[in-house]
Amino acid sequence: SPLASLTRAPRTRKQARAQLRTGGEHLAGLLGTHPVESLRRDVEEAEAQMSDVTFWDDPNQAQRRLVRKARQQYALEALEKLIARREALHRALEQKLRLRDWHAQLMEWLLELHLTEALLTPLSHKEVT
């Protein structure tokens, strides 16, 4: 995994920045296949459809829509959390947090990134949306 190289603790802030940049590039790839704005619009549209009085007219179709909306909501929340944590890691690095403490936070973020990628990768954007 390209993320495996990031498990080594950085010795300098320059190395830490490079690690964060590499993780950020990995996140950008994930965002490329699962755009946040598109997911947000899809969730909002699904919620609007669910409030329609005819939503339950076809229970099988309603169930499929509920599952699809749950997948979209999960993907949206997971990606937004990863983005926020990446920004927090950047701020912590700039605020001179001890590298050992910063790296521990990076490892948590990378684990979340890896797990989110593993859960989203089998889903094409078309299936998530």
Protein backbone atom coordinates (compact mmCIF):
# COMPACT_ATOMS: atom_id res chain seq x y z
CA SER A 1 0.00 0.00 0.00
CA PRO A 2 1.29 3.50 -0.79
CA LEU A 3 0.29 4.50 2.73
CA ALA A 4 2.60 1.92 4.33
CA SER A 5 5.62 4.18 3.78
CA LEU A 6 3.98 6.79 6.00
CA THR A 7 4.14 4.63 9.13
CA ARG A 8 7.76 5.60 9.76
CA ALA A 9 7.95 8.47 12.24
CA PRO A 10 9.27 11.68 10.67
CA ARG A 11 12.46 13.17 12.06
CA THR A 12 11.87 16.65 10.71
CA ARG A 13 8.89 18.87 9.97
CA LYS A 14 9.86 18.73 6.30
CA GLN A 15 9.45 14.94 6.37
CA ALA A 16 6.16 15.32 8.24
CA ARG A 17 4.87 17.76 5.61
CA ALA A 18 5.85 15.29 2.88
CA GLN A 19 3.96 12.52 4.69
CA LEU A 20 0.87 14.69 5.02
CA ARG A 21 1.12 15.66 1.35
CA THR A 22 1.31 11.98 0.33
CA GLY A 23 -1.70 11.12 2.49
CA GLY A 24 -3.51 14.15 1.07
CA GLU A 25 -2.84 12.96 -2.48
CA HIS A 26 -4.33 9.61 -1.57
CA LEU A 27 -7.40 11.36 -0.16
CA ALA A 28 -7.64 13.48 -3.32
CA GLY A 29 -7.83 10.30 -5.38
CA LEU A 30 -10.67 9.07 -3.20
CA LEU A 31 -12.43 12.43 -3.54
CA GLY A 32 -12.00 12.19 -7.32
CA THR A 33 -14.09 9.03 -7.43
CA HIS A 34 -16.53 10.17 -4.74
CA PRO A 35 -16.98 13.97 -5.07
CA VAL A 36 -18.30 15.49 -1.83
CA GLU A 37 -20.52 18.09 -3.50
CA SER A 38 -22.11 15.49 -5.74
CA LEU A 39 -22.73 13.19 -2.78
CA ARG A 40 -24.22 16.08 -0.79
CA ARG A 41 -26.63 16.93 -3.64
CA ASP A 42 -27.58 13.28 -4.02
CA VAL A 43 -28.32 12.95 -0.29
CA GLU A 44 -30.44 16.10 -0.36
CA GLU A 45 -32.35 14.85 -3.41
CA ALA A 46 -32.93 11.47 -1.76
CA GLU A 47 -34.26 13.19 1.37
CA ALA A 48 -36.63 15.25 -0.76
CA GLN A 49 -37.85 12.10 -2.52
CA MET A 50 -38.38 10.39 0.84
CA SER A 51 -40.70 13.18 1.95
CA ASP A 52 -42.91 12.71 -1.12
CA VAL A 53 -46.27 11.12 -0.24
CA THR A 54 -45.78 8.52 -3.01
CA PHE A 55 -42.40 7.33 -1.71
CA TRP A 56 -43.79 4.11 -0.20
CA ASP A 57 -46.13 3.29 -3.11
CA ASP A 58 -43.53 0.74 -4.27
CA PRO A 59 -41.98 -0.72 -1.08
CA ASN A 60 -39.19 -2.54 -2.94
CA GLN A 61 -38.10 0.59 -4.74
CA ALA A 62 -38.38 2.59 -1.50
CA GLN A 63 -36.12 0.06 0.24
CA ARG A 64 -33.51 0.32 -2.53
CA ARG A 65 -33.63 4.11 -2.30
CA LEU A 66 -33.17 3.98 1.48
CA VAL A 67 -30.12 1.71 1.14
CA ARG A 68 -28.65 3.93 -1.58
CA LYS A 69 -29.23 7.04 0.54
CA ALA A 70 -27.56 5.37 3.56
CA ARG A 71 -24.50 4.56 1.42
CA GLN A 72 -24.37 8.11 0.12
CA GLN A 73 -24.72 9.53 3.63
CA TYR A 74 -21.94 7.27 4.97
CA ALA A 75 -19.61 8.19 2.12
CA LEU A 76 -20.30 11.89 2.58
CA GLU A 77 -19.73 11.84 6.35
CA ALA A 78 -16.58 9.71 6.10
CA LEU A 79 -15.03 11.94 3.44
CA GLU A 80 -15.92 15.17 5.26
CA LYS A 81 -14.35 13.78 8.44
CA LEU A 82 -11.16 12.84 6.57
CA ILE A 83 -10.94 16.32 5.07
CA ALA A 84 -11.40 17.98 8.46
CA ARG A 85 -8.82 15.72 10.11
CA ARG A 86 -6.30 16.45 7.33
CA GLU A 87 -6.74 20.17 7.94
CA ALA A 88 -6.33 19.65 11.70
CA LEU A 89 -3.12 17.70 11.07
CA HIS A 90 -1.81 20.55 8.95
CA ARG A 91 -2.60 23.10 11.67
CA ALA A 92 -1.04 20.91 14.38
CA LEU A 93 2.14 20.63 12.34
CA GLU A 94 2.31 24.39 11.86
CA GLN A 95 1.63 24.97 15.57
CA LYS A 96 4.78 23.02 16.40
CA LEU A 97 3.10 20.01 18.01
CA ARG A 98 5.78 17.48 18.99
CA LEU A 99 6.48 15.30 15.98
CA ARG A 100 5.89 12.10 17.96
CA ASP A 101 2.42 13.34 19.01
CA TRP A 102 1.69 14.61 15.52
CA HIS A 103 2.70 11.29 13.99
CA ALA A 104 0.34 9.41 16.32
CA GLN A 105 -2.51 11.60 15.02
CA LEU A 106 -1.34 11.00 11.45
CA MET A 107 -1.47 7.24 12.04
CA GLU A 108 -5.08 7.50 13.26
CA TRP A 109 -6.00 9.55 10.20
CA LEU A 110 -4.25 7.12 7.84
CA LEU A 111 -6.13 4.22 9.40
CA GLU A 112 -9.43 6.05 8.87
CA LEU A 113 -8.38 6.86 5.31
CA HIS A 114 -7.47 3.24 4.60
CA LEU A 115 -10.70 1.88 6.11
CA THR A 116 -12.83 4.42 4.24
CA GLU A 117 -11.08 3.59 1.00
CA ALA A 118 -11.62 -0.13 1.59
CA LEU A 119 -15.32 0.43 2.19
CA LEU A 120 -15.85 2.81 -0.74
CA THR A 121 -13.61 1.26 -3.39
CA PRO A 122 -15.95 -1.63 -4.24
CA LEU A 123 -18.69 0.90 -4.83
CA SER A 124 -18.55 2.76 -8.07
CA HIS A 125 -19.68 6.37 -7.92
CA LYS A 126 -22.74 5.32 -9.88
CA GLU A 127 -23.64 2.73 -7.21
CA VAL A 128 -23.02 5.17 -4.34
CA THR A 129 -25.11 7.80 -6.03
